[in-house]
Amino acid sequence: MTNRQDIPAQQPRRLACSRCGAEFGCELSGTCWCAEETARLPMPVKGEDCLCRACLRAAAEAT
């Protein structure tokens, strides 16, 4: 069994929004900003990865 203290801290994953190309960070620890959003969409759309906050909100408004 691995000692959790031996696991290095995860760095935020740098992403580019699938729709607009804006760069943003994603916390792999589960504390990503998107977890705080009220919009819940079936993601990802075929061929897409994560969306930036503005595109996520725009997609939610369009549904």
C-alpha atoms as a PDB file:
ATOM      1  CA  MET A   1       0.000   0.000   0.000  1.00  0.00           C
ATOM      2  CA  THR A   2       1.281   3.459  -0.866  1.00  0.00           C
ATOM      3  CA  ASN A   3       1.784   5.983   1.886  1.00  0.00           C
ATOM      4  CA  ARG A   4      -0.201   9.099   0.893  1.00  0.00           C
ATOM      5  CA  GLN A   5       2.639  11.269   2.167  1.00  0.00           C
ATOM      6  CA  ASP A   6       4.861   9.792  -0.556  1.00  0.00           C
ATOM      7  CA  ILE A   7       2.546  10.995  -3.339  1.00  0.00           C
ATOM      8  CA  PRO A   8       3.672  14.380  -4.705  1.00  0.00           C
ATOM      9  CA  ALA A   9       1.117  17.209  -4.692  1.00  0.00           C
ATOM     10  CA  GLN A  10      -0.742  17.455  -7.974  1.00  0.00           C
ATOM     11  CA  GLN A  11      -0.224  20.606 -10.010  1.00  0.00           C
ATOM     12  CA  PRO A  12      -3.283  22.157 -11.648  1.00  0.00           C
ATOM     13  CA  ARG A  13      -3.844  20.788 -15.126  1.00  0.00           C
ATOM     14  CA  ARG A  14      -3.590  23.537 -17.759  1.00  0.00           C
ATOM     15  CA  LEU A  15      -6.382  23.321 -20.327  1.00  0.00           C
ATOM     16  CA  ALA A  16      -7.559  25.229 -23.371  1.00  0.00           C
ATOM     17  CA  CYS A  17     -11.327  25.607 -23.672  1.00  0.00           C
ATOM     18  CA  SER A  18     -12.701  23.352 -26.409  1.00  0.00           C
ATOM     19  CA  ARG A  19     -14.910  26.157 -27.692  1.00  0.00           C
ATOM     20  CA  CYS A  20     -12.996  29.446 -27.425  1.00  0.00           C
ATOM     21  CA  GLY A  21      -9.406  28.372 -26.713  1.00  0.00           C
ATOM     22  CA  ALA A  22      -9.104  30.339 -23.451  1.00  0.00           C
ATOM     23  CA  GLU A  23      -6.557  28.818 -21.067  1.00  0.00           C
ATOM     24  CA  PHE A  24      -7.569  27.852 -17.547  1.00  0.00           C
ATOM     25  CA  GLY A  25      -6.524  25.507 -14.764  1.00  0.00           C
ATOM     26  CA  CYS A  26      -8.242  22.382 -13.465  1.00  0.00           C
ATOM     27  CA  GLU A  27      -7.493  20.984 -10.021  1.00  0.00           C
ATOM     28  CA  LEU A  28      -7.220  17.212 -10.271  1.00  0.00           C
ATOM     29  CA  SER A  29      -7.894  16.983  -6.541  1.00  0.00           C
ATOM     30  CA  GLY A  30     -11.579  17.610  -7.191  1.00  0.00           C
ATOM     31  CA  THR A  31     -11.590  21.250  -6.098  1.00  0.00           C
ATOM     32  CA  CYS A  32     -11.932  22.598  -9.650  1.00  0.00           C
ATOM     33  CA  TRP A  33     -13.966  25.795 -10.090  1.00  0.00           C
ATOM     34  CA  CYS A  34     -16.458  23.893 -12.279  1.00  0.00           C
ATOM     35  CA  ALA A  35     -17.591  21.886  -9.245  1.00  0.00           C
ATOM     36  CA  GLU A  36     -18.993  25.145  -7.842  1.00  0.00           C
ATOM     37  CA  GLU A  37     -21.050  25.869 -10.976  1.00  0.00           C
ATOM     38  CA  THR A  38     -24.777  25.215 -10.820  1.00  0.00           C
ATOM     39  CA  ALA A  39     -24.898  24.207 -14.506  1.00  0.00           C
ATOM     40  CA  ARG A  40     -24.712  20.466 -15.014  1.00  0.00           C
ATOM     41  CA  LEU A  41     -24.395  19.427 -18.625  1.00  0.00           C
ATOM     42  CA  PRO A  42     -23.756  16.017 -20.115  1.00  0.00           C
ATOM     43  CA  MET A  43     -20.057  16.517 -20.795  1.00  0.00           C
ATOM     44  CA  PRO A  44     -18.046  16.159 -22.828  1.00  0.00           C
ATOM     45  CA  VAL A  45     -19.809  16.679 -26.111  1.00  0.00           C
ATOM     46  CA  LYS A  46     -18.274  14.426 -28.750  1.00  0.00           C
ATOM     47  CA  GLY A  47     -14.787  15.739 -29.526  1.00  0.00           C
ATOM     48  CA  GLU A  48     -14.769  18.273 -26.685  1.00  0.00           C
ATOM     49  CA  ASP A  49     -12.870  18.442 -23.428  1.00  0.00           C
ATOM     50  CA  CYS A  50     -13.561  20.878 -20.594  1.00  0.00           C
ATOM     51  CA  LEU A  51     -14.994  24.329 -21.190  1.00  0.00           C
ATOM     52  CA  CYS A  52     -13.936  27.602 -19.600  1.00  0.00           C
ATOM     53  CA  ARG A  53     -16.364  29.220 -17.155  1.00  0.00           C
ATOM     54  CA  ALA A  54     -17.836  31.591 -19.782  1.00  0.00           C
ATOM     55  CA  CYS A  55     -18.418  28.855 -22.372  1.00  0.00           C
ATOM     56  CA  LEU A  56     -19.871  26.491 -19.747  1.00  0.00           C
ATOM     57  CA  ARG A  57     -22.355  29.168 -18.688  1.00  0.00           C
ATOM     58  CA  ALA A  58     -23.215  29.990 -22.321  1.00  0.00           C
ATOM     59  CA  ALA A  59     -23.807  26.301 -23.073  1.00  0.00           C
ATOM     60  CA  ALA A  60     -26.048  25.992 -20.020  1.00  0.00           C
ATOM     61  CA  GLU A  61     -28.103  29.024 -21.080  1.00  0.00           C
ATOM     62  CA  ALA A  62     -28.521  27.558 -24.596  1.00  0.00           C
ATOM     63  CA  THR A  63     -30.092  24.341 -23.276  1.00  0.00           C
END
